[in-house]
Protein backbone atom coordinates (compact mmCIF):
# COMPACT_ATOMS: atom_id res chain seq x y z
CA UNK A 1 45.30 15.16 42.59
CA UNK A 2 44.18 13.49 39.39
CA UNK A 3 45.54 14.95 36.19
CA UNK A 4 43.28 12.97 33.90
CA UNK A 5 42.62 14.77 30.64
CA UNK A 6 39.02 14.84 29.37
CA UNK A 7 38.41 12.67 26.35
CA UNK A 8 37.18 15.67 24.35
CA UNK A 9 40.40 17.55 25.02
CA UNK A 10 42.63 14.58 24.22
CA UNK A 11 40.88 13.84 20.95
CA UNK A 12 42.33 15.29 17.75
CA UNK A 13 40.87 18.53 16.46
CA UNK A 14 39.20 16.82 13.49
CA UNK A 15 37.37 14.46 15.82
CA UNK A 16 36.39 16.91 18.54
CA UNK A 17 33.07 18.02 17.04
CA UNK A 18 32.25 14.90 15.05
CA UNK A 19 29.00 13.29 16.06
CA UNK A 20 28.39 9.57 15.62
CA UNK A 21 26.03 8.73 12.76
CA UNK A 22 23.13 6.34 13.12
CA UNK A 23 23.60 4.95 9.59
CA UNK A 24 26.92 4.01 7.91
CA UNK A 25 29.20 6.65 6.43
CA UNK A 26 28.92 8.60 3.22
CA UNK A 27 30.93 6.15 1.11
CA UNK A 28 28.71 3.15 1.85
CA UNK A 29 25.39 4.97 1.58
CA UNK A 30 26.41 6.85 -1.58
CA UNK A 31 27.59 3.64 -3.23
CA UNK A 32 24.35 1.89 -2.30
CA UNK A 33 22.36 4.84 -3.68
CA UNK A 34 24.15 4.73 -7.03
CA UNK A 35 23.82 0.94 -7.27
CA UNK A 36 20.13 1.01 -6.41
CA UNK A 37 19.31 3.83 -8.84
CA UNK A 38 21.38 2.15 -11.53
CA UNK A 39 19.57 -1.18 -11.22
CA UNK A 40 16.07 0.23 -10.85
CA UNK A 41 16.14 3.38 -13.02
CA UNK A 42 19.25 3.98 -15.10
CA UNK A 43 19.77 0.52 -16.63
CA UNK A 44 16.14 0.10 -17.84
CA UNK A 45 16.08 3.62 -19.27
CA UNK A 46 19.46 3.11 -20.90
CA UNK A 47 18.20 -0.10 -22.47
CA UNK A 48 15.21 1.75 -23.85
CA UNK A 49 17.42 4.48 -25.30
CA UNK A 50 19.85 1.98 -26.85
CA UNK A 51 17.07 -0.12 -28.33
CA UNK A 52 15.34 2.92 -29.86
CA UNK A 53 18.67 4.21 -31.21
CA UNK A 54 19.05 0.96 -33.15
CA UNK A 55 15.99 1.74 -35.23
CA UNK A 56 17.71 4.27 -37.42
CA UNK A 57 16.70 7.87 -37.86
CA UNK A 58 14.43 7.26 -40.85
CA UNK A 59 12.42 4.49 -39.19
CA UNK A 60 12.29 6.38 -35.89
CA UNK A 61 11.01 9.54 -37.59
CA UNK A 62 8.40 7.57 -39.52
CA UNK A 63 7.01 6.16 -36.29
CA UNK A 64 7.25 9.48 -34.44
CA UNK A 65 5.52 11.47 -37.19
CA UNK A 66 2.65 9.04 -37.57
CA UNK A 67 -0.63 10.98 -37.03
CA UNK A 68 -1.94 8.37 -34.61
CA UNK A 69 1.24 8.57 -32.52
CA UNK A 70 1.23 12.38 -32.50
CA UNK A 71 -2.41 12.50 -31.47
CA UNK A 72 -1.86 9.98 -28.65
CA UNK A 73 1.14 11.93 -27.33
CA UNK A 74 -0.74 15.22 -27.55
CA UNK A 75 -3.69 13.74 -25.69
CA UNK A 76 -1.55 12.18 -22.93
CA UNK A 77 0.53 15.25 -22.18
CA UNK A 78 -2.30 17.71 -22.75
CA UNK A 79 -4.78 16.00 -20.41
CA UNK A 80 -2.05 15.43 -17.81
CA UNK A 81 -1.13 19.13 -17.92
CA UNK A 82 -4.76 20.26 -17.55
CA UNK A 83 -5.39 17.79 -14.72
CA UNK A 84 -2.25 18.97 -12.90
CA UNK A 85 -3.41 22.59 -13.16
CA UNK A 86 -6.83 21.64 -11.77
CA UNK A 87 -5.18 19.74 -8.92
CA UNK A 88 -3.01 22.76 -8.09
CA UNK A 89 -6.07 24.95 -7.59
CA UNK A 90 -8.25 22.52 -5.70
CA UNK A 91 -5.35 20.78 -3.96
CA UNK A 92 -4.22 24.04 -2.37
CA UNK A 93 -7.81 24.72 -1.26
CA UNK A 94 -8.14 21.24 0.27
CA UNK A 95 -4.80 21.60 2.06
CA UNK A 96 -5.85 25.03 3.37
CA UNK A 97 -9.08 23.64 4.79
CA UNK A 98 -7.32 20.70 6.45
CA UNK A 99 -4.62 22.90 8.00
CA UNK A 100 -6.49 26.02 9.04
CA UNK A 101 -9.88 24.72 10.21
CA UNK A 102 -11.08 22.22 12.79
CA UNK A 103 -14.44 20.63 12.08
CA UNK A 104 -16.25 17.31 12.59
CA UNK A 105 -15.08 14.71 10.10
CA UNK A 106 -11.78 16.44 9.39
CA UNK A 107 -9.76 13.27 9.93
CA UNK A 108 -12.08 11.35 7.65
CA UNK A 109 -11.58 13.87 4.85
CA UNK A 110 -7.84 13.82 5.50
CA UNK A 111 -7.85 10.04 5.08
CA UNK A 112 -9.99 10.22 1.92
CA UNK A 113 -7.29 12.36 0.27
CA UNK A 114 -4.95 9.36 0.41
CA UNK A 115 -7.53 6.99 -1.07
CA UNK A 116 -6.16 7.20 -4.66
CA UNK A 117 -2.81 5.98 -3.29
CA UNK A 118 -4.33 2.76 -1.91
CA UNK A 119 -7.11 2.16 -4.42
CA UNK A 120 -6.15 0.08 -7.49
CA UNK A 121 -6.28 2.30 -10.56
CA UNK A 122 -8.44 -0.18 -12.44
CA UNK A 123 -11.05 0.00 -9.68
CA UNK A 124 -10.98 3.80 -9.88
CA UNK A 125 -11.43 3.66 -13.65
CA UNK A 126 -14.42 1.34 -13.40
CA UNK A 127 -16.03 3.48 -10.70
CA UNK A 128 -15.52 6.72 -12.65
CA UNK A 129 -16.88 5.13 -15.82
CA UNK A 130 -19.99 3.90 -14.00
CA UNK A 131 -20.63 7.39 -12.63
CA UNK A 132 -19.82 9.53 -15.68
CA UNK A 133 -21.12 7.26 -18.45
CA UNK A 134 -24.22 8.52 -20.31
CA UNK A 135 -26.30 6.14 -18.18
CA UNK A 136 -24.44 6.88 -14.93
CA UNK A 137 -25.53 9.06 -12.02
CA UNK A 138 -23.67 12.14 -13.16
CA UNK A 139 -23.41 11.41 -16.86
CA UNK A 140 -27.20 11.09 -17.16
CA UNK A 141 -27.56 14.68 -15.93
CA UNK A 142 -25.33 16.04 -18.71
CA UNK A 143 -26.54 13.74 -21.50
CA UNK A 144 -29.74 15.75 -22.22
CA UNK A 145 -27.54 18.84 -22.63
CA UNK A 146 -25.45 17.11 -25.26
CA UNK A 147 -22.40 16.95 -22.97
CA UNK A 148 -20.58 13.62 -22.98
CA UNK A 149 -18.03 13.05 -20.20
CA UNK A 150 -17.02 9.41 -20.36
CA UNK A 151 -15.28 8.14 -23.49
CA UNK A 152 -13.95 11.62 -24.23
CA UNK A 153 -10.85 13.62 -23.23
CA UNK A 154 -12.97 15.17 -20.46
CA UNK A 155 -13.24 11.77 -18.84
CA UNK A 156 -9.49 11.32 -19.09
CA UNK A 157 -8.92 14.62 -17.29
CA UNK A 158 -11.31 13.57 -14.51
CA UNK A 159 -9.45 10.28 -14.04
CA UNK A 160 -6.10 12.06 -13.89
CA UNK A 161 -7.45 14.61 -11.42
CA UNK A 162 -8.56 11.74 -9.21
CA UNK A 163 -5.16 10.02 -9.16
CA UNK A 164 -3.10 13.22 -8.97
CA UNK A 165 -4.86 15.18 -6.22
CA UNK A 166 -3.00 13.57 -3.27
CA UNK A 167 0.38 14.60 -4.70
CA UNK A 168 -0.51 18.28 -4.52
CA UNK A 169 -2.27 18.13 -1.15
CA UNK A 170 0.46 16.15 0.62
CA UNK A 171 3.19 18.35 -0.83
CA UNK A 172 1.57 21.69 0.04
CA UNK A 173 0.13 20.69 3.42
CA UNK A 174 3.43 20.52 5.39
CA UNK A 175 4.59 23.87 4.03
CA UNK A 176 1.25 25.44 4.86
CA UNK A 177 1.49 24.21 8.45
CA UNK A 178 4.78 26.09 8.83
CA UNK A 179 3.27 29.45 7.87
CA UNK A 180 2.73 31.40 11.09
CA UNK A 181 -0.60 33.14 11.36
CA UNK A 182 1.14 36.06 13.03
CA UNK A 183 2.69 36.91 9.66
CA UNK A 184 -0.78 37.19 8.13
CA UNK A 185 -1.97 39.25 11.09
CA UNK A 186 1.04 41.56 10.70
CA UNK A 187 0.22 42.02 7.02
CA UNK A 188 -3.38 42.87 7.91
CA UNK A 189 -2.16 45.33 10.55
CA UNK A 190 -0.07 47.08 7.90
CA UNK A 191 -3.18 47.54 5.78
CA UNK A 192 -2.96 44.60 3.40
CA UNK A 193 -6.27 43.13 2.30
CA UNK A 194 -7.00 39.45 1.90
CA UNK A 195 -6.00 39.40 -1.76
CA UNK A 196 -2.73 41.20 -1.09
CA UNK A 197 -1.95 38.89 1.85
CA UNK A 198 -2.51 35.81 -0.28
CA UNK A 199 -0.51 37.19 -3.19
CA UNK A 200 2.43 38.64 -1.24
CA UNK A 201 2.63 36.51 1.92
CA UNK A 202 1.07 33.09 1.46
CA UNK A 203 1.70 32.23 -2.20
CA UNK A 204 5.42 33.12 -2.18
CA UNK A 205 5.94 30.75 0.75
CA UNK A 206 3.96 27.98 -0.96
CA UNK A 207 5.31 28.42 -4.50
CA UNK A 208 8.12 25.79 -4.28
CA UNK A 209 5.73 23.23 -2.77
CA UNK A 210 3.03 24.01 -5.34
CA UNK A 211 5.50 23.52 -8.19
CA UNK A 212 6.67 20.24 -6.67
CA UNK A 213 3.09 18.99 -6.35
CA UNK A 214 2.37 20.10 -9.92
CA UNK A 215 5.39 18.19 -11.21
CA UNK A 216 4.43 15.03 -9.33
CA UNK A 217 0.81 15.19 -10.50
CA UNK A 218 1.94 15.82 -14.08
CA UNK A 219 4.38 12.91 -14.03
CA UNK A 220 1.73 10.59 -12.60
CA UNK A 221 -0.82 11.71 -15.18
CA UNK A 222 1.48 11.21 -18.17
CA UNK A 223 2.14 7.60 -17.28
CA UNK A 224 -1.30 6.70 -15.92
CA UNK A 225 -2.93 3.70 -17.57
CA UNK A 226 -5.28 1.69 -15.37
CA UNK A 227 -7.79 4.38 -14.43
CA UNK A 228 -7.82 5.91 -17.93
CA UNK A 229 -8.45 3.01 -20.30
CA UNK A 230 -11.90 2.33 -18.87
CA UNK A 231 -13.23 5.88 -19.03
CA UNK A 232 -11.37 6.99 -22.17
CA UNK A 233 -13.14 4.79 -24.66
CA UNK A 234 -9.79 4.23 -26.43
CA UNK A 235 -10.91 5.59 -29.80
CA UNK A 236 -7.98 6.30 -32.15
CA UNK A 237 -7.49 10.02 -32.85
CA UNK A 238 -10.12 10.82 -30.19
CA UNK A 239 -9.40 9.29 -26.78
CA UNK A 240 -6.42 7.00 -27.25
CA UNK A 241 -3.55 7.75 -24.85
CA UNK A 242 0.11 7.04 -25.57
CA UNK A 243 0.57 4.27 -22.93
CA UNK A 244 -2.35 2.39 -24.49
CA UNK A 245 -0.85 2.81 -27.97
CA UNK A 246 2.39 1.28 -26.67
CA UNK A 247 0.46 -1.73 -25.39
CA UNK A 248 -1.35 -2.04 -28.73
CA UNK A 249 1.95 -2.01 -30.63
CA UNK A 250 3.34 -4.69 -28.33
CA UNK A 251 0.26 -6.85 -28.87
CA UNK A 252 0.87 -6.46 -32.61
CA UNK A 253 4.48 -7.63 -31.99
CA UNK A 254 5.64 -4.27 -33.32
CA UNK A 255 8.35 -3.80 -30.71
CA UNK A 256 10.25 -1.07 -32.62
CA UNK A 257 7.14 1.15 -32.76
CA UNK A 258 6.43 0.60 -29.05
CA UNK A 259 10.04 1.38 -28.19
CA UNK A 260 10.03 4.55 -30.28
CA UNK A 261 6.83 5.84 -28.67
CA UNK A 262 8.19 5.07 -25.21
CA UNK A 263 11.44 6.90 -26.02
CA UNK A 264 9.53 9.97 -27.20
CA UNK A 265 7.44 9.98 -24.03
CA UNK A 266 10.61 9.67 -21.95
CA UNK A 267 12.29 12.58 -23.73
CA UNK A 268 9.25 14.88 -23.45
CA UNK A 269 8.64 14.00 -19.80
CA UNK A 270 12.30 14.57 -18.94
CA UNK A 271 12.28 17.96 -20.67
CA UNK A 272 9.11 19.03 -18.86
CA UNK A 273 10.43 17.94 -15.47
CA UNK A 274 13.74 19.69 -16.17
CA UNK A 275 11.91 22.95 -16.85
CA UNK A 276 9.77 22.57 -13.73
CA UNK A 277 12.84 21.84 -11.58
CA UNK A 278 14.55 24.92 -13.00
CA UNK A 279 11.52 27.00 -12.05
CA UNK A 280 11.61 25.47 -8.56
CA UNK A 281 15.25 26.44 -8.10
CA UNK A 282 14.49 29.95 -9.29
CA UNK A 283 11.52 30.27 -6.91
CA UNK A 284 13.60 29.08 -3.93
CA UNK A 285 16.28 31.65 -4.66
CA UNK A 286 13.72 34.39 -5.20
CA UNK A 287 11.66 33.72 -2.08
CA UNK A 288 14.44 32.41 0.13
CA UNK A 289 13.23 28.81 0.61
């Protein structure tokens, strides 16, 4: 009789339930992650912070409090915020249609959602300007009413909605696919109407994904340049965004001013994303996601 001991029984207790990993262990992957993030993200941002700190508080405050700088920052963050809110509303609707309905051309529409990812932003800006300019197809319809779209903040919002929509749709769509229709049917059986079902069943499950999509669309809108400069008109105090003002300062060889504006944008964007992430954590704890 063979008294061979199974390998699982002979193995130490710490090894008995350990499964082999496809990729290397934690130490190697964690070290690579820190090195990669340091080279790509942390070192450039640290250089920006150090360079702006060398300006001195007086010079930095003079640049930051300049009316042209304040107006450019207000326009960039304000239009990005409005565009992200618009994308949340219509992005959730687009995701709902793509997930819950089957209709001819559905795959085509699903592919069109990703078009802003592949299309160069400059091409998008030129196309939007041609359409919404006073002589364009859409702009000519609003011109007799005294409504100007291109070369105004309205045009900037439209450009940011265009580039930010996929972030909301692709973030909400997977979460929406996981919602079982039986839960909605159970809510209807218990007497809940459509509004109550959306408010108490669907939205709580989608809230973390909606906030994530909002944060991504907002971050993309704040730093967007290519699709905006064509339709904005780039008029100081009217339609001049902060990224464009940074480029203008660099072209004037005013590196300290460009660095200061970039540092302010970095600080504001970080604060906004920190708040949004805090809200995401709160929503996950509240709704159990």
